[in-house]
Amino acid sequence: MEHTAGLRERKKAATRQAVHEAALRLTVERGFDAVTVEEVADAVGISRRTFSNYFATKEDAVLWGDERYLEELVAAFRARPPEESPWAALCTTVLDRLPESGAQEWEILVRTRLALRHPALLARQLANHAGLEASLTEAIVERCPTRDADTALDARVMASAFLVALRISMRRWIDSDLTDDPRELVVDTMNRMACPFV
């Protein structure tokens, strides 16, 4: 029975990935507004209803890579050694999670550029980042050995500052057409932001 459940989960994951890739590819080829959910579903060979089992909207399908990355980022942060300061753990986490392949870099570049051009995608991306801020704030509070009335606010400020620094780093990288070293950009931007936290 476990084997069947595992196979089913792998098939679902593969279908979700295929829908995401089709949505991204069609959007790049034709523009976000020119692509319908039905066309994305057809490209993968599934029904509109099956599409809805995986994604609520076209925006979700296009930006799923973003959502997945953000979820993995929070999980990786939570797994960092407890003796690391929250800021050091955040910085190490993001450096460990930088894209390692041209395909990952291309996808980040495409998603970011699409979001900058399409208000619906930008709104969805901002909502994803607001959720990430809340999750990171909670995870930072959990790392604090002592807590007082200001702990939650301090954690929220740190999470927000981290996300701003990350966004600036990624924007610098994209503006360089991916020619600059993303690690150097992240380290530089995080160091500039870190002054109040160290």
N, C-alpha and C. Protein backbone atom coordinates (compact mmCIF):
# COMPACT_ATOMS: atom_id res chain seq x y z
N MET A 1 0.82 -1.20 0.00
CA MET A 1 0.00 0.00 0.00
C MET A 1 0.86 1.26 0.00
N GLU A 2 1.98 1.24 0.79
CA GLU A 2 2.87 2.39 0.82
C GLU A 2 3.44 2.69 -0.55
N HIS A 3 3.78 1.64 -1.29
CA HIS A 3 4.35 1.80 -2.63
C HIS A 3 3.35 2.50 -3.54
N THR A 4 2.08 2.13 -3.45
CA THR A 4 1.04 2.74 -4.27
C THR A 4 0.88 4.22 -3.91
N ALA A 5 0.86 4.51 -2.61
CA ALA A 5 0.72 5.90 -2.17
C ALA A 5 1.92 6.72 -2.63
N GLY A 6 3.12 6.16 -2.54
CA GLY A 6 4.32 6.86 -2.98
C GLY A 6 4.30 7.13 -4.47
N LEU A 7 3.85 6.14 -5.24
CA LEU A 7 3.76 6.30 -6.68
C LEU A 7 2.73 7.38 -7.03
N ARG A 8 1.61 7.35 -6.34
CA ARG A 8 0.56 8.35 -6.58
C ARG A 8 1.07 9.76 -6.29
N GLU A 9 1.80 9.91 -5.19
CA GLU A 9 2.35 11.23 -4.85
C GLU A 9 3.37 11.70 -5.87
N ARG A 10 4.19 10.78 -6.37
CA ARG A 10 5.17 11.15 -7.40
C ARG A 10 4.47 11.57 -8.69
N LYS A 11 3.40 10.86 -9.04
CA LYS A 11 2.65 11.23 -10.25
C LYS A 11 2.00 12.61 -10.10
N LYS A 12 1.46 12.87 -8.91
CA LYS A 12 0.85 14.17 -8.66
C LYS A 12 1.91 15.28 -8.73
N ALA A 13 3.07 15.02 -8.15
CA ALA A 13 4.15 16.01 -8.19
C ALA A 13 4.61 16.25 -9.62
N ALA A 14 4.71 15.17 -10.40
CA ALA A 14 5.13 15.31 -11.81
C ALA A 14 4.09 16.10 -12.61
N THR A 15 2.81 15.85 -12.35
CA THR A 15 1.76 16.59 -13.05
C THR A 15 1.79 18.06 -12.67
N ARG A 16 1.94 18.34 -11.38
CA ARG A 16 2.01 19.73 -10.91
C ARG A 16 3.18 20.44 -11.59
N GLN A 17 4.33 19.78 -11.64
CA GLN A 17 5.51 20.37 -12.28
C GLN A 17 5.25 20.61 -13.77
N ALA A 18 4.61 19.66 -14.44
CA ALA A 18 4.33 19.79 -15.87
C ALA A 18 3.37 20.95 -16.13
N VAL A 19 2.37 21.11 -15.29
CA VAL A 19 1.42 22.23 -15.44
C VAL A 19 2.16 23.56 -15.25
N HIS A 20 2.98 23.62 -14.22
CA HIS A 20 3.76 24.84 -13.96
C HIS A 20 4.65 25.17 -15.16
N GLU A 21 5.38 24.18 -15.66
CA GLU A 21 6.29 24.41 -16.79
C GLU A 21 5.53 24.85 -18.04
N ALA A 22 4.36 24.24 -18.28
CA ALA A 22 3.56 24.63 -19.45
C ALA A 22 3.05 26.06 -19.29
N ALA A 23 2.58 26.41 -18.11
CA ALA A 23 2.09 27.77 -17.87
C ALA A 23 3.21 28.78 -18.07
N LEU A 24 4.37 28.48 -17.57
CA LEU A 24 5.51 29.39 -17.72
C LEU A 24 5.93 29.50 -19.18
N ARG A 25 6.04 28.37 -19.86
CA ARG A 25 6.46 28.36 -21.27
C ARG A 25 5.47 29.13 -22.15
N LEU A 26 4.18 28.85 -21.99
CA LEU A 26 3.17 29.53 -22.80
C LEU A 26 3.14 31.03 -22.51
N THR A 27 3.33 31.40 -21.27
CA THR A 27 3.35 32.81 -20.90
C THR A 27 4.54 33.52 -21.54
N VAL A 28 5.68 32.87 -21.54
CA VAL A 28 6.87 33.45 -22.18
C VAL A 28 6.64 33.59 -23.68
N GLU A 29 6.06 32.57 -24.29
CA GLU A 29 5.85 32.57 -25.74
C GLU A 29 4.80 33.59 -26.19
N ARG A 30 3.70 33.70 -25.42
CA ARG A 30 2.56 34.48 -25.93
C ARG A 30 2.14 35.64 -25.05
N GLY A 31 2.69 35.74 -23.88
CA GLY A 31 2.27 36.79 -22.95
C GLY A 31 1.23 36.26 -21.99
N PHE A 32 1.29 36.74 -20.77
CA PHE A 32 0.42 36.24 -19.71
C PHE A 32 -1.06 36.39 -20.05
N ASP A 33 -1.44 37.55 -20.54
CA ASP A 33 -2.86 37.81 -20.80
C ASP A 33 -3.41 37.00 -21.97
N ALA A 34 -2.54 36.53 -22.85
CA ALA A 34 -2.99 35.78 -24.03
C ALA A 34 -3.14 34.28 -23.77
N VAL A 35 -2.76 33.83 -22.59
CA VAL A 35 -2.81 32.40 -22.28
C VAL A 35 -4.00 32.13 -21.36
N THR A 36 -4.75 31.08 -21.68
CA THR A 36 -5.89 30.69 -20.84
C THR A 36 -5.54 29.43 -20.05
N VAL A 37 -6.29 29.22 -18.99
CA VAL A 37 -6.13 27.99 -18.19
C VAL A 37 -6.38 26.77 -19.07
N GLU A 38 -7.37 26.85 -19.94
CA GLU A 38 -7.68 25.73 -20.83
C GLU A 38 -6.49 25.38 -21.72
N GLU A 39 -5.80 26.41 -22.22
CA GLU A 39 -4.63 26.16 -23.07
C GLU A 39 -3.49 25.52 -22.28
N VAL A 40 -3.32 25.93 -21.05
CA VAL A 40 -2.29 25.30 -20.21
C VAL A 40 -2.66 23.84 -19.97
N ALA A 41 -3.92 23.60 -19.63
CA ALA A 41 -4.37 22.22 -19.39
C ALA A 41 -4.19 21.37 -20.65
N ASP A 42 -4.56 21.91 -21.80
CA ASP A 42 -4.41 21.18 -23.07
C ASP A 42 -2.95 20.85 -23.34
N ALA A 43 -2.06 21.77 -23.03
CA ALA A 43 -0.63 21.56 -23.29
C ALA A 43 -0.07 20.39 -22.48
N VAL A 44 -0.70 20.11 -21.35
CA VAL A 44 -0.24 19.01 -20.49
C VAL A 44 -1.07 17.75 -20.72
N GLY A 45 -2.19 17.90 -21.41
CA GLY A 45 -3.05 16.75 -21.65
C GLY A 45 -3.96 16.41 -20.49
N ILE A 46 -4.40 17.46 -19.77
CA ILE A 46 -5.33 17.26 -18.66
C ILE A 46 -6.56 18.14 -18.88
N SER A 47 -7.59 17.89 -18.10
CA SER A 47 -8.81 18.70 -18.21
C SER A 47 -8.69 19.97 -17.37
N ARG A 48 -9.59 20.90 -17.61
CA ARG A 48 -9.65 22.14 -16.82
C ARG A 48 -9.89 21.81 -15.35
N ARG A 49 -10.72 20.82 -15.12
CA ARG A 49 -11.02 20.40 -13.75
C ARG A 49 -9.78 19.84 -13.07
N THR A 50 -9.01 19.04 -13.81
CA THR A 50 -7.78 18.50 -13.24
C THR A 50 -6.79 19.63 -12.95
N PHE A 51 -6.72 20.62 -13.84
CA PHE A 51 -5.89 21.80 -13.58
C PHE A 51 -6.25 22.39 -12.22
N SER A 52 -7.56 22.50 -11.96
CA SER A 52 -8.03 23.11 -10.71
C SER A 52 -7.68 22.28 -9.48
N ASN A 53 -7.40 21.00 -9.67
CA ASN A 53 -6.95 20.18 -8.55
C ASN A 53 -5.54 20.56 -8.11
N TYR A 54 -4.79 21.17 -9.02
CA TYR A 54 -3.40 21.53 -8.73
C TYR A 54 -3.21 23.01 -8.45
N PHE A 55 -3.92 23.86 -9.18
CA PHE A 55 -3.76 25.30 -9.02
C PHE A 55 -5.12 25.98 -9.09
N ALA A 56 -5.31 26.97 -8.23
CA ALA A 56 -6.58 27.71 -8.22
C ALA A 56 -6.66 28.69 -9.39
N THR A 57 -5.51 29.24 -9.78
CA THR A 57 -5.50 30.25 -10.84
C THR A 57 -4.30 30.06 -11.75
N LYS A 58 -4.33 30.75 -12.86
CA LYS A 58 -3.20 30.77 -13.80
C LYS A 58 -1.98 31.40 -13.12
N GLU A 59 -2.21 32.44 -12.32
CA GLU A 59 -1.11 33.08 -11.60
C GLU A 59 -0.39 32.08 -10.71
N ASP A 60 -1.17 31.27 -10.00
CA ASP A 60 -0.57 30.25 -9.13
C ASP A 60 0.29 29.28 -9.92
N ALA A 61 -0.18 28.88 -11.09
CA ALA A 61 0.57 27.93 -11.92
C ALA A 61 1.88 28.53 -12.40
N VAL A 62 1.84 29.79 -12.82
CA VAL A 62 3.06 30.44 -13.31
C VAL A 62 4.07 30.64 -12.18
N LEU A 63 3.59 31.03 -11.01
CA LEU A 63 4.49 31.37 -9.90
C LEU A 63 4.74 30.22 -8.93
N TRP A 64 4.30 29.02 -9.27
CA TRP A 64 4.46 27.91 -8.33
C TRP A 64 5.92 27.70 -7.94
N GLY A 65 6.85 27.90 -8.83
CA GLY A 65 8.26 27.75 -8.49
C GLY A 65 8.66 28.70 -7.37
N ASP A 66 8.11 29.91 -7.40
CA ASP A 66 8.33 30.88 -6.33
C ASP A 66 7.82 30.33 -5.00
N GLU A 67 6.59 29.85 -5.00
CA GLU A 67 5.98 29.34 -3.78
C GLU A 67 6.78 28.17 -3.22
N ARG A 68 7.17 27.27 -4.08
CA ARG A 68 7.94 26.10 -3.66
C ARG A 68 9.27 26.54 -3.06
N TYR A 69 9.94 27.48 -3.72
CA TYR A 69 11.22 27.98 -3.22
C TYR A 69 11.05 28.61 -1.83
N LEU A 70 10.00 29.40 -1.65
CA LEU A 70 9.78 30.07 -0.38
C LEU A 70 9.48 29.08 0.74
N GLU A 71 8.69 28.06 0.45
CA GLU A 71 8.41 27.02 1.45
C GLU A 71 9.69 26.29 1.85
N GLU A 72 10.52 25.97 0.86
CA GLU A 72 11.78 25.28 1.13
C GLU A 72 12.73 26.17 1.92
N LEU A 73 12.70 27.47 1.66
CA LEU A 73 13.55 28.41 2.37
C LEU A 73 13.22 28.42 3.86
N VAL A 74 11.94 28.48 4.20
CA VAL A 74 11.53 28.49 5.60
C VAL A 74 11.91 27.17 6.28
N ALA A 75 11.68 26.06 5.60
CA ALA A 75 12.04 24.75 6.17
C ALA A 75 13.54 24.65 6.41
N ALA A 76 14.33 25.13 5.46
CA ALA A 76 15.79 25.08 5.60
C ALA A 76 16.25 25.99 6.75
N PHE A 77 15.62 27.15 6.90
CA PHE A 77 15.96 28.05 8.01
C PHE A 77 15.67 27.37 9.35
N ARG A 78 14.52 26.74 9.44
CA ARG A 78 14.16 26.07 10.69
C ARG A 78 15.13 24.94 11.03
N ALA A 79 15.75 24.35 10.02
CA ALA A 79 16.66 23.22 10.23
C ALA A 79 18.09 23.67 10.59
N ARG A 80 18.37 24.96 10.55
CA ARG A 80 19.72 25.44 10.86
C ARG A 80 20.05 25.17 12.33
N PRO A 81 21.34 25.03 12.66
CA PRO A 81 21.73 24.77 14.05
C PRO A 81 21.22 25.86 14.99
N PRO A 82 20.70 25.48 16.14
CA PRO A 82 20.10 26.46 17.05
C PRO A 82 21.09 27.48 17.61
N GLU A 83 22.39 27.15 17.61
CA GLU A 83 23.36 28.10 18.15
C GLU A 83 23.66 29.27 17.21
N GLU A 84 23.25 29.16 15.95
CA GLU A 84 23.42 30.28 15.01
C GLU A 84 22.45 31.40 15.36
N SER A 85 22.92 32.62 15.23
CA SER A 85 22.00 33.75 15.43
C SER A 85 20.96 33.71 14.31
N PRO A 86 19.78 34.27 14.55
CA PRO A 86 18.76 34.25 13.50
C PRO A 86 19.25 34.89 12.19
N TRP A 87 19.95 36.02 12.27
CA TRP A 87 20.41 36.68 11.04
C TRP A 87 21.41 35.80 10.30
N ALA A 88 22.37 35.24 11.02
CA ALA A 88 23.37 34.36 10.38
C ALA A 88 22.68 33.15 9.76
N ALA A 89 21.70 32.60 10.45
CA ALA A 89 20.97 31.44 9.92
C ALA A 89 20.20 31.82 8.65
N LEU A 90 19.59 33.00 8.63
CA LEU A 90 18.88 33.45 7.42
C LEU A 90 19.85 33.59 6.25
N CYS A 91 20.98 34.24 6.49
CA CYS A 91 21.96 34.46 5.41
C CYS A 91 22.52 33.14 4.89
N THR A 92 22.88 32.25 5.79
CA THR A 92 23.42 30.95 5.37
C THR A 92 22.36 30.17 4.61
N THR A 93 21.14 30.23 5.07
CA THR A 93 20.05 29.52 4.39
C THR A 93 19.91 29.98 2.95
N VAL A 94 19.88 31.28 2.74
CA VAL A 94 19.67 31.77 1.37
C VAL A 94 20.88 31.46 0.50
N LEU A 95 22.08 31.55 1.04
CA LEU A 95 23.27 31.22 0.25
C LEU A 95 23.26 29.74 -0.15
N ASP A 96 22.82 28.89 0.76
CA ASP A 96 22.73 27.45 0.45
C ASP A 96 21.65 27.15 -0.58
N ARG A 97 20.67 28.04 -0.72
CA ARG A 97 19.52 27.77 -1.59
C ARG A 97 19.62 28.49 -2.94
N LEU A 98 20.72 29.15 -3.22
CA LEU A 98 20.84 29.83 -4.51
C LEU A 98 20.80 28.82 -5.64
N PRO A 99 20.29 29.23 -6.78
CA PRO A 99 20.18 28.30 -7.91
C PRO A 99 21.53 27.74 -8.32
N GLU A 100 21.52 26.45 -8.64
CA GLU A 100 22.76 25.77 -9.00
C GLU A 100 22.84 25.44 -10.48
N SER A 101 21.77 25.64 -11.21
CA SER A 101 21.79 25.26 -12.62
C SER A 101 21.24 26.39 -13.48
N GLY A 102 21.58 26.37 -14.74
CA GLY A 102 21.07 27.35 -15.67
C GLY A 102 19.56 27.35 -15.76
N ALA A 103 18.95 26.16 -15.65
CA ALA A 103 17.48 26.06 -15.72
C ALA A 103 16.84 26.78 -14.55
N GLN A 104 17.40 26.61 -13.35
CA GLN A 104 16.85 27.30 -12.18
C GLN A 104 17.03 28.81 -12.31
N GLU A 105 18.20 29.22 -12.78
CA GLU A 105 18.44 30.65 -12.98
C GLU A 105 17.46 31.23 -13.99
N TRP A 106 17.25 30.52 -15.10
CA TRP A 106 16.34 30.98 -16.14
C TRP A 106 14.94 31.14 -15.57
N GLU A 107 14.50 30.17 -14.77
CA GLU A 107 13.14 30.23 -14.23
C GLU A 107 12.98 31.42 -13.29
N ILE A 108 13.95 31.67 -12.44
CA ILE A 108 13.89 32.82 -11.54
C ILE A 108 13.83 34.12 -12.35
N LEU A 109 14.68 34.21 -13.34
CA LEU A 109 14.71 35.39 -14.20
C LEU A 109 13.36 35.61 -14.88
N VAL A 110 12.80 34.57 -15.45
CA VAL A 110 11.53 34.67 -16.17
C VAL A 110 10.40 35.05 -15.22
N ARG A 111 10.30 34.37 -14.08
CA ARG A 111 9.22 34.67 -13.13
C ARG A 111 9.30 36.11 -12.66
N THR A 112 10.50 36.56 -12.36
CA THR A 112 10.66 37.92 -11.85
C THR A 112 10.31 38.95 -12.92
N ARG A 113 10.80 38.74 -14.12
CA ARG A 113 10.48 39.69 -15.20
C ARG A 113 9.00 39.69 -15.54
N LEU A 114 8.38 38.52 -15.52
CA LEU A 114 6.93 38.45 -15.77
C LEU A 114 6.17 39.21 -14.70
N ALA A 115 6.57 39.03 -13.44
CA ALA A 115 5.87 39.72 -12.35
C ALA A 115 6.02 41.23 -12.47
N LEU A 116 7.16 41.68 -12.93
CA LEU A 116 7.36 43.13 -13.09
C LEU A 116 6.50 43.71 -14.21
N ARG A 117 6.10 42.88 -15.17
CA ARG A 117 5.31 43.35 -16.32
C ARG A 117 3.80 43.14 -16.16
N HIS A 118 3.40 42.24 -15.29
CA HIS A 118 1.98 41.89 -15.19
C HIS A 118 1.49 42.10 -13.75
N PRO A 119 0.63 43.09 -13.54
CA PRO A 119 0.15 43.40 -12.20
C PRO A 119 -0.45 42.20 -11.45
N ALA A 120 -1.16 41.33 -12.15
CA ALA A 120 -1.76 40.17 -11.47
C ALA A 120 -0.69 39.24 -10.91
N LEU A 121 0.39 39.06 -11.66
CA LEU A 121 1.49 38.23 -11.18
C LEU A 121 2.25 38.91 -10.05
N LEU A 122 2.44 40.21 -10.17
CA LEU A 122 3.13 40.95 -9.11
C LEU A 122 2.33 40.89 -7.82
N ALA A 123 1.02 41.06 -7.92
CA ALA A 123 0.16 40.99 -6.73
C ALA A 123 0.27 39.62 -6.08
N ARG A 124 0.26 38.57 -6.88
CA ARG A 124 0.37 37.21 -6.35
C ARG A 124 1.74 36.99 -5.72
N GLN A 125 2.79 37.50 -6.36
CA GLN A 125 4.13 37.35 -5.82
C GLN A 125 4.25 38.10 -4.49
N LEU A 126 3.67 39.29 -4.41
CA LEU A 126 3.71 40.05 -3.16
C LEU A 126 2.94 39.33 -2.06
N ALA A 127 1.82 38.71 -2.41
CA ALA A 127 1.07 37.92 -1.42
C ALA A 127 1.91 36.75 -0.93
N ASN A 128 2.62 36.09 -1.84
CA ASN A 128 3.51 34.99 -1.44
C ASN A 128 4.57 35.49 -0.46
N HIS A 129 5.12 36.66 -0.75
CA HIS A 129 6.18 37.20 0.10
C HIS A 129 5.63 37.64 1.45
N ALA A 130 4.39 38.11 1.50
CA ALA A 130 3.78 38.45 2.78
C ALA A 130 3.61 37.19 3.63
N GLY A 131 3.22 36.10 2.99
CA GLY A 131 3.13 34.83 3.71
C GLY A 131 4.48 34.36 4.20
N LEU A 132 5.50 34.56 3.38
CA LEU A 132 6.86 34.19 3.78
C LEU A 132 7.31 35.02 4.97
N GLU A 133 7.01 36.31 4.94
CA GLU A 133 7.39 37.17 6.06
C GLU A 133 6.77 36.66 7.36
N ALA A 134 5.51 36.29 7.31
CA ALA A 134 4.84 35.77 8.51
C ALA A 134 5.48 34.47 8.98
N SER A 135 5.77 33.57 8.05
CA SER A 135 6.40 32.29 8.40
C SER A 135 7.80 32.49 8.97
N LEU A 136 8.57 33.38 8.35
CA LEU A 136 9.92 33.65 8.85
C LEU A 136 9.88 34.32 10.21
N THR A 137 8.94 35.23 10.41
CA THR A 137 8.81 35.89 11.71
C THR A 137 8.57 34.85 12.79
N GLU A 138 7.66 33.95 12.54
CA GLU A 138 7.36 32.88 13.50
C GLU A 138 8.61 32.02 13.76
N ALA A 139 9.32 31.67 12.71
CA ALA A 139 10.51 30.83 12.85
C ALA A 139 11.63 31.56 13.59
N ILE A 140 11.75 32.86 13.38
CA ILE A 140 12.77 33.65 14.10
C ILE A 140 12.43 33.70 15.58
N VAL A 141 11.16 33.94 15.91
CA VAL A 141 10.74 33.96 17.32
C VAL A 141 11.08 32.63 17.99
N GLU A 142 10.84 31.53 17.28
CA GLU A 142 11.14 30.20 17.84
C GLU A 142 12.62 30.04 18.17
N ARG A 143 13.50 30.73 17.47
CA ARG A 143 14.95 30.63 17.69
C ARG A 143 15.43 31.48 18.86
N CYS A 144 14.61 32.41 19.31
CA CYS A 144 15.03 33.34 20.36
C CYS A 144 15.03 32.63 21.71
N PRO A 145 16.17 32.61 22.40
CA PRO A 145 16.25 31.90 23.68
C PRO A 145 15.42 32.58 24.77
N THR A 146 15.36 33.89 24.72
CA THR A 146 14.52 34.63 25.67
C THR A 146 13.53 35.47 24.87
N ARG A 147 12.36 35.59 25.43
CA ARG A 147 11.31 36.34 24.73
C ARG A 147 10.71 37.37 25.67
N ASP A 148 10.47 38.53 25.10
CA ASP A 148 9.80 39.58 25.86
C ASP A 148 8.76 40.23 24.96
N ALA A 149 8.25 41.37 25.38
CA ALA A 149 7.18 42.03 24.62
C ALA A 149 7.63 42.46 23.23
N ASP A 150 8.92 42.69 23.04
CA ASP A 150 9.43 43.17 21.75
C ASP A 150 9.90 42.06 20.82
N THR A 151 9.95 40.84 21.28
CA THR A 151 10.51 39.75 20.48
C THR A 151 9.81 39.59 19.14
N ALA A 152 8.49 39.58 19.14
CA ALA A 152 7.74 39.38 17.89
C ALA A 152 7.97 40.55 16.93
N LEU A 153 8.00 41.76 17.46
CA LEU A 153 8.25 42.92 16.59
C LEU A 153 9.67 42.88 16.03
N ASP A 154 10.64 42.58 16.89
CA ASP A 154 12.03 42.48 16.42
C ASP A 154 12.16 41.40 15.34
N ALA A 155 11.49 40.29 15.54
CA ALA A 155 11.54 39.19 14.57
C ALA A 155 10.90 39.62 13.25
N ARG A 156 9.81 40.36 13.33
CA ARG A 156 9.16 40.82 12.10
C ARG A 156 10.03 41.82 11.35
N VAL A 157 10.67 42.72 12.09
CA VAL A 157 11.58 43.68 11.46
C VAL A 157 12.72 42.93 10.77
N MET A 158 13.28 41.93 11.45
CA MET A 158 14.38 41.16 10.86
C MET A 158 13.91 40.41 9.62
N ALA A 159 12.77 39.76 9.70
CA ALA A 159 12.24 39.02 8.54
C ALA A 159 12.01 39.97 7.36
N SER A 160 11.44 41.13 7.64
CA SER A 160 11.18 42.11 6.58
C SER A 160 12.49 42.62 5.97
N ALA A 161 13.45 42.93 6.82
CA ALA A 161 14.75 43.42 6.34
C ALA A 161 15.43 42.36 5.49
N PHE A 162 15.37 41.13 5.94
CA PHE A 162 15.97 40.02 5.18
C PHE A 162 15.33 39.91 3.80
N LEU A 163 14.00 39.97 3.74
CA LEU A 163 13.31 39.84 2.46
C LEU A 163 13.60 41.02 1.53
N VAL A 164 13.72 42.21 2.09
CA VAL A 164 14.09 43.36 1.27
C VAL A 164 15.49 43.16 0.71
N ALA A 165 16.43 42.73 1.55
CA ALA A 165 17.80 42.50 1.09
C ALA A 165 17.84 41.40 0.03
N LEU A 166 17.05 40.36 0.23
CA LEU A 166 16.99 39.28 -0.75
C LEU A 166 16.43 39.78 -2.08
N ARG A 167 15.36 40.57 -2.01
CA ARG A 167 14.76 41.12 -3.22
C ARG A 167 15.74 42.04 -3.96
N ILE A 168 16.45 42.87 -3.21
CA ILE A 168 17.44 43.75 -3.83
C ILE A 168 18.56 42.93 -4.47
N SER A 169 19.01 41.90 -3.79
CA SER A 169 20.06 41.03 -4.35
C SER A 169 19.62 40.39 -5.65
N MET A 170 18.41 39.84 -5.65
CA MET A 170 17.91 39.17 -6.85
C MET A 170 17.70 40.18 -7.98
N ARG A 171 17.25 41.38 -7.63
CA ARG A 171 17.05 42.41 -8.66
C ARG A 171 18.39 42.83 -9.26
N ARG A 172 19.42 42.96 -8.41
CA ARG A 172 20.76 43.30 -8.91
C ARG A 172 21.25 42.21 -9.86
N TRP A 173 21.01 40.97 -9.50
CA TRP A 173 21.45 39.83 -10.31
C TRP A 173 20.73 39.84 -11.66
N ILE A 174 19.43 40.03 -11.62
CA ILE A 174 18.63 40.06 -12.86
C ILE A 174 19.03 41.24 -13.73
N ASP A 175 19.25 42.40 -13.10
CA ASP A 175 19.66 43.58 -13.86
C ASP A 175 21.01 43.37 -14.55
N SER A 176 21.83 42.48 -14.01
CA SER A 176 23.13 42.18 -14.64
C SER A 176 22.99 41.11 -15.72
N ASP A 177 21.73 40.72 -16.04
CA ASP A 177 21.47 39.62 -16.98
C ASP A 177 22.17 38.34 -16.54
N LEU A 178 22.21 38.14 -15.23
CA LEU A 178 22.77 36.95 -14.60
C LEU A 178 24.28 36.82 -14.79
N THR A 179 24.96 37.92 -15.12
CA THR A 179 26.41 37.84 -15.30
C THR A 179 27.16 38.00 -13.98
N ASP A 180 26.60 38.76 -13.04
CA ASP A 180 27.24 38.90 -11.73
C ASP A 180 27.04 37.63 -10.92
N ASP A 181 27.94 37.40 -9.99
CA ASP A 181 27.85 36.22 -9.13
C ASP A 181 26.76 36.46 -8.08
N PRO A 182 25.69 35.65 -8.09
CA PRO A 182 24.60 35.89 -7.14
C PRO A 182 25.05 35.77 -5.69
N ARG A 183 26.01 34.89 -5.41
CA ARG A 183 26.49 34.74 -4.03
C ARG A 183 27.12 36.05 -3.55
N GLU A 184 27.95 36.65 -4.40
CA GLU A 184 28.59 37.91 -4.02
C GLU A 184 27.56 39.01 -3.81
N LEU A 185 26.55 39.04 -4.66
CA LEU A 185 25.51 40.06 -4.52
C LEU A 185 24.72 39.86 -3.23
N VAL A 186 24.38 38.61 -2.92
CA VAL A 186 23.64 38.33 -1.69
C VAL A 186 24.48 38.70 -0.48
N VAL A 187 25.73 38.27 -0.45
CA VAL A 187 26.59 38.58 0.70
C VAL A 187 26.73 40.09 0.87
N ASP A 188 26.99 40.80 -0.21
CA ASP A 188 27.14 42.25 -0.14
C ASP A 188 25.87 42.92 0.38
N THR A 189 24.73 42.55 -0.17
CA THR A 189 23.48 43.19 0.23
C THR A 189 23.11 42.82 1.66
N MET A 190 23.29 41.56 2.03
CA MET A 190 22.98 41.13 3.40
C MET A 190 23.90 41.83 4.40
N ASN A 191 25.17 42.00 4.06
CA ASN A 191 26.09 42.71 4.96
C ASN A 191 25.67 44.16 5.14
N ARG A 192 25.21 44.78 4.07
CA ARG A 192 24.76 46.17 4.18
C ARG A 192 23.52 46.27 5.08
N MET A 193 22.65 45.27 4.98
CA MET A 193 21.41 45.28 5.76
C MET A 193 21.66 44.86 7.21
N ALA A 194 22.72 44.09 7.46
CA ALA A 194 22.92 43.46 8.76
C ALA A 194 23.32 44.41 9.87
N CYS A 195 23.81 45.55 9.56
CA CYS A 195 24.36 46.44 10.59
C CYS A 195 23.50 46.53 11.86
N PRO A 196 22.19 46.72 11.74
CA PRO A 196 21.39 46.81 12.97
C PRO A 196 21.23 45.48 13.71
N PHE A 197 21.57 44.35 13.08
CA PHE A 197 21.27 43.05 13.67
C PHE A 197 22.49 42.34 14.25
N VAL A 198 23.68 42.92 14.10
CA VAL A 198 24.87 42.24 14.63
C VAL A 198 25.54 43.05 15.70
